[in-house]
C-alpha atoms as a PDB file:
ATOM      1  CA  MET A   1      -7.797   3.995  -9.722  1.00  0.00           C
ATOM      2  CA  ALA A   2      -9.998   0.711  -8.874  1.00  0.00           C
ATOM      3  CA  GLY A   3      -7.084  -0.580  -6.449  1.00  0.00           C
ATOM      4  CA  ILE A   4      -8.128   1.760  -3.693  1.00  0.00           C
ATOM      5  CA  ASP A   5     -11.141   1.633  -1.949  1.00  0.00           C
ATOM      6  CA  GLY A   6     -13.220   3.897   0.358  1.00  0.00           C
ATOM      7  CA  ALA A   7     -14.291   2.322   3.770  1.00  0.00           C
ATOM      8  CA  SER A   8     -17.553   0.828   1.681  1.00  0.00           C
ATOM      9  CA  GLY A   9     -14.981  -1.790   0.538  1.00  0.00           C
ATOM     10  CA  VAL A  10     -16.586  -1.509  -3.306  1.00  0.00           C
ATOM     11  CA  ARG A  11     -14.163  -1.602  -5.432  1.00  0.00           C
ATOM     12  CA  GLY A  12     -13.300   1.623  -8.037  1.00  0.00           C
ATOM     13  CA  ALA A  13     -15.654   3.436  -5.358  1.00  0.00           C
ATOM     14  CA  VAL A  14     -13.718   6.441  -3.469  1.00  0.00           C
ATOM     15  CA  PRO A  15     -15.150   8.460  -1.096  1.00  0.00           C
ATOM     16  CA  ALA A  16     -14.991  12.021  -0.721  1.00  0.00           C
ATOM     17  CA  GLY A  17     -11.875  12.927   0.980  1.00  0.00           C
ATOM     18  CA  HIS A  18      -9.854  10.317  -0.325  1.00  0.00           C
ATOM     19  CA  PRO A  19      -8.276  11.136  -4.025  1.00  0.00           C
ATOM     20  CA  THR A  20      -7.418   8.286  -5.767  1.00  0.00           C
ATOM     21  CA  PRO A  21      -3.149   7.523  -6.031  1.00  0.00           C
ATOM     22  CA  GLY A  22      -3.407   8.655  -9.575  1.00  0.00           C
ATOM     23  CA  ALA A  23      -4.374  12.410  -8.406  1.00  0.00           C
ATOM     24  CA  ALA A  24      -1.872  15.099  -8.696  1.00  0.00           C
ATOM     25  CA  THR A  25      -0.170  14.547  -5.900  1.00  0.00           C
ATOM     26  CA  GLY A  26      -0.459  10.786  -5.803  1.00  0.00           C
ATOM     27  CA  ALA A  27      -1.859  10.735  -2.104  1.00  0.00           C
ATOM     28  CA  THR A  28      -4.491   8.819  -0.753  1.00  0.00           C
ATOM     29  CA  GLY A  29      -6.177  11.618   1.059  1.00  0.00           C
ATOM     30  CA  ASN A  30      -6.157  11.652   4.740  1.00  0.00           C
ATOM     31  CA  PHE A  31      -3.437   8.513   5.275  1.00  0.00           C
ATOM     32  CA  GLY A  32      -0.275  10.643   4.046  1.00  0.00           C
ATOM     33  CA  LEU A  33       0.672   7.291   1.990  1.00  0.00           C
ATOM     34  CA  HIS A  34       1.643   7.939  -1.828  1.00  0.00           C
ATOM     35  CA  PHE A  35       1.417   5.102  -4.296  1.00  0.00           C
ATOM     36  CA  SER A  36       4.320   5.016  -7.023  1.00  0.00           C
ATOM     37  CA  ARG A  37       2.733   4.724 -10.520  1.00  0.00           C
ATOM     38  CA  HIS A  38       4.178   1.150 -10.742  1.00  0.00           C
ATOM     39  CA  ALA A  39       2.309   0.206  -7.575  1.00  0.00           C
ATOM     40  CA  GLN A  40      -0.620   2.141  -9.144  1.00  0.00           C
ATOM     41  CA  ARG A  41      -0.516  -0.458 -12.053  1.00  0.00           C
ATOM     42  CA  ARG A  42       0.042  -3.504  -9.969  1.00  0.00           C
ATOM     43  CA  LEU A  43      -2.963  -3.093  -7.860  1.00  0.00           C
ATOM     44  CA  GLU A  44      -4.971  -2.913 -10.809  1.00  0.00           C
ATOM     45  CA  GLN A  45      -3.277  -5.425 -12.843  1.00  0.00           C
ATOM     46  CA  ARG A  46      -3.723  -7.859  -9.688  1.00  0.00           C
ATOM     47  CA  GLY A  47      -7.187  -6.861  -8.692  1.00  0.00           C
ATOM     48  CA  ILE A  48      -6.168  -5.881  -5.227  1.00  0.00           C
ATOM     49  CA  ASP A  49      -8.539  -3.720  -3.135  1.00  0.00           C
ATOM     50  CA  ILE A  50      -7.366  -1.519  -0.382  1.00  0.00           C
ATOM     51  CA  ASP A  51     -10.394  -0.236   1.600  1.00  0.00           C
ATOM     52  CA  GLY A  52     -10.448   2.475   4.225  1.00  0.00           C
ATOM     53  CA  ALA A  53      -9.484   0.034   7.506  1.00  0.00           C
ATOM     54  CA  ARG A  54      -6.414  -1.479   4.912  1.00  0.00           C
ATOM     55  CA  MET A  55      -5.172   1.854   4.455  1.00  0.00           C
ATOM     56  CA  ALA A  56      -5.694   2.711   7.924  1.00  0.00           C
ATOM     57  CA  ARG A  57      -3.798  -0.296   8.970  1.00  0.00           C
ATOM     58  CA  LEU A  58      -1.090   0.118   6.430  1.00  0.00           C
ATOM     59  CA  GLU A  59      -0.393   3.344   7.689  1.00  0.00           C
ATOM     60  CA  GLN A  60      -0.067   2.003  11.191  1.00  0.00           C
ATOM     61  CA  ALA A  61       2.398  -0.300   9.494  1.00  0.00           C
ATOM     62  CA  VAL A  62       4.290   2.107   8.179  1.00  0.00           C
ATOM     63  CA  GLY A  63       4.759   4.373  11.207  1.00  0.00           C
ATOM     64  CA  HIS A  64       5.859   1.342  12.770  1.00  0.00           C
ATOM     65  CA  ALA A  65       8.743   0.913  10.626  1.00  0.00           C
ATOM     66  CA  ALA A  66       9.332   4.222  10.405  1.00  0.00           C
ATOM     67  CA  ALA A  67       9.579   4.352  14.488  1.00  0.00           C
ATOM     68  CA  LYS A  68      12.464   1.592  14.185  1.00  0.00           C
ATOM     69  CA  GLY A  69      14.409   3.266  11.567  1.00  0.00           C
ATOM     70  CA  ALA A  70      13.617   1.271   8.739  1.00  0.00           C
ATOM     71  CA  ARG A  71      14.001   2.567   5.569  1.00  0.00           C
ATOM     72  CA  GLU A  72      12.396   0.280   2.996  1.00  0.00           C
ATOM     73  CA  SER A  73       9.989  -2.343   4.352  1.00  0.00           C
ATOM     74  CA  LEU A  74       7.562  -5.292   3.007  1.00  0.00           C
ATOM     75  CA  ILE A  75       4.468  -4.887   4.540  1.00  0.00           C
ATOM     76  CA  LEU A  76       2.474  -8.029   4.791  1.00  0.00           C
ATOM     77  CA  LEU A  77      -1.053  -6.830   4.909  1.00  0.00           C
ATOM     78  CA  ASP A  78      -3.811  -9.669   4.911  1.00  0.00           C
ATOM     79  CA  GLU A  79      -3.005 -11.647   1.731  1.00  0.00           C
ATOM     80  CA  MET A  80      -0.901  -8.625   0.558  1.00  0.00           C
ATOM     81  CA  ALA A  81       2.503  -7.903   0.398  1.00  0.00           C
ATOM     82  CA  LEU A  82       3.514  -4.271  -0.134  1.00  0.00           C
ATOM     83  CA  VAL A  83       6.808  -3.064  -0.764  1.00  0.00           C
ATOM     84  CA  VAL A  84       7.258   0.413   0.996  1.00  0.00           C
ATOM     85  CA  SER A  85      10.057   3.456   0.963  1.00  0.00           C
ATOM     86  CA  VAL A  86       9.300   4.208   4.685  1.00  0.00           C
ATOM     87  CA  GLN A  87      11.488   7.209   4.333  1.00  0.00           C
ATOM     88  CA  ASN A  88       9.428   8.494   1.344  1.00  0.00           C
ATOM     89  CA  ARG A  89       5.966   6.950   2.752  1.00  0.00           C
ATOM     90  CA  THR A  90       5.602   5.718  -0.666  1.00  0.00           C
ATOM     91  CA  VAL A  91       4.356   2.286  -1.820  1.00  0.00           C
ATOM     92  CA  VAL A  92       6.631   1.098  -4.512  1.00  0.00           C
ATOM     93  CA  THR A  93       4.760  -2.170  -5.884  1.00  0.00           C
ATOM     94  CA  ALA A  94       2.397  -4.790  -4.252  1.00  0.00           C
ATOM     95  CA  MET A  95       1.108  -8.279  -4.773  1.00  0.00           C
ATOM     96  CA  ASP A  96      -1.208 -10.593  -3.601  1.00  0.00           C
ATOM     97  CA  GLN A  97      -0.893 -14.395  -2.258  1.00  0.00           C
ATOM     98  CA  GLN A  98      -0.642 -15.726  -6.016  1.00  0.00           C
ATOM     99  CA  ALA A  99       1.638 -13.211  -7.748  1.00  0.00           C
ATOM    100  CA  GLY A 100       3.859 -13.568  -4.084  1.00  0.00           C
ATOM    101  CA  LYS A 101       4.867 -17.384  -4.456  1.00  0.00           C
ATOM    102  CA  GLU A 102       8.454 -18.003  -5.219  1.00  0.00           C
ATOM    103  CA  GLN A 103       9.384 -14.339  -5.173  1.00  0.00           C
ATOM    104  CA  VAL A 104      12.843 -12.932  -3.684  1.00  0.00           C
ATOM    105  CA  PHE A 105      12.386  -9.551  -2.157  1.00  0.00           C
ATOM    106  CA  THR A 106      15.763  -7.686  -2.287  1.00  0.00           C
ATOM    107  CA  ASN A 107      16.831  -4.146  -1.008  1.00  0.00           C
ATOM    108  CA  ILE A 108      14.529  -4.045   2.342  1.00  0.00           C
ATOM    109  CA  ASP A 109      15.806  -3.695   5.328  1.00  0.00           C
ATOM    110  CA  SER A 110      12.272  -4.389   7.604  1.00  0.00           C
ATOM    111  CA  VAL A 111       9.594  -6.875   7.440  1.00  0.00           C
ATOM    112  CA  VAL A 112       6.207  -5.546   8.899  1.00  0.00           C
ATOM    113  CA  ILE A 113       3.462  -7.904   9.925  1.00  0.00           C
ATOM    114  CA  ALA A 114       0.195  -5.811   9.832  1.00  0.00           C
ATOM    115  CA  SER A 115      -2.113  -6.393  12.571  1.00  0.00           C
END
């Protein structure tokens, strides 16, 4: 999967211990987040890279949303916007700034700006 990278940041390179979201479990290794097939396609189509550091920040943002009781969150991470099912720990869709222009996000109950 081209969108999820290891700590190296090289697109398409996934180090050992970090299976791609297309793996049988759909998990991203040690991070505990899953990516829906739709989200996987969007990452690939839009050329969005999520390296190890970004994955850790995304996981932290989802944790903050869960702690506040969120169910469906819009996570703003750098130039990306990701819709996440917090209860299922699943990224539902992802987009970059260009794809996100003039978009309306529905069925979310929270927004987290990841630091």
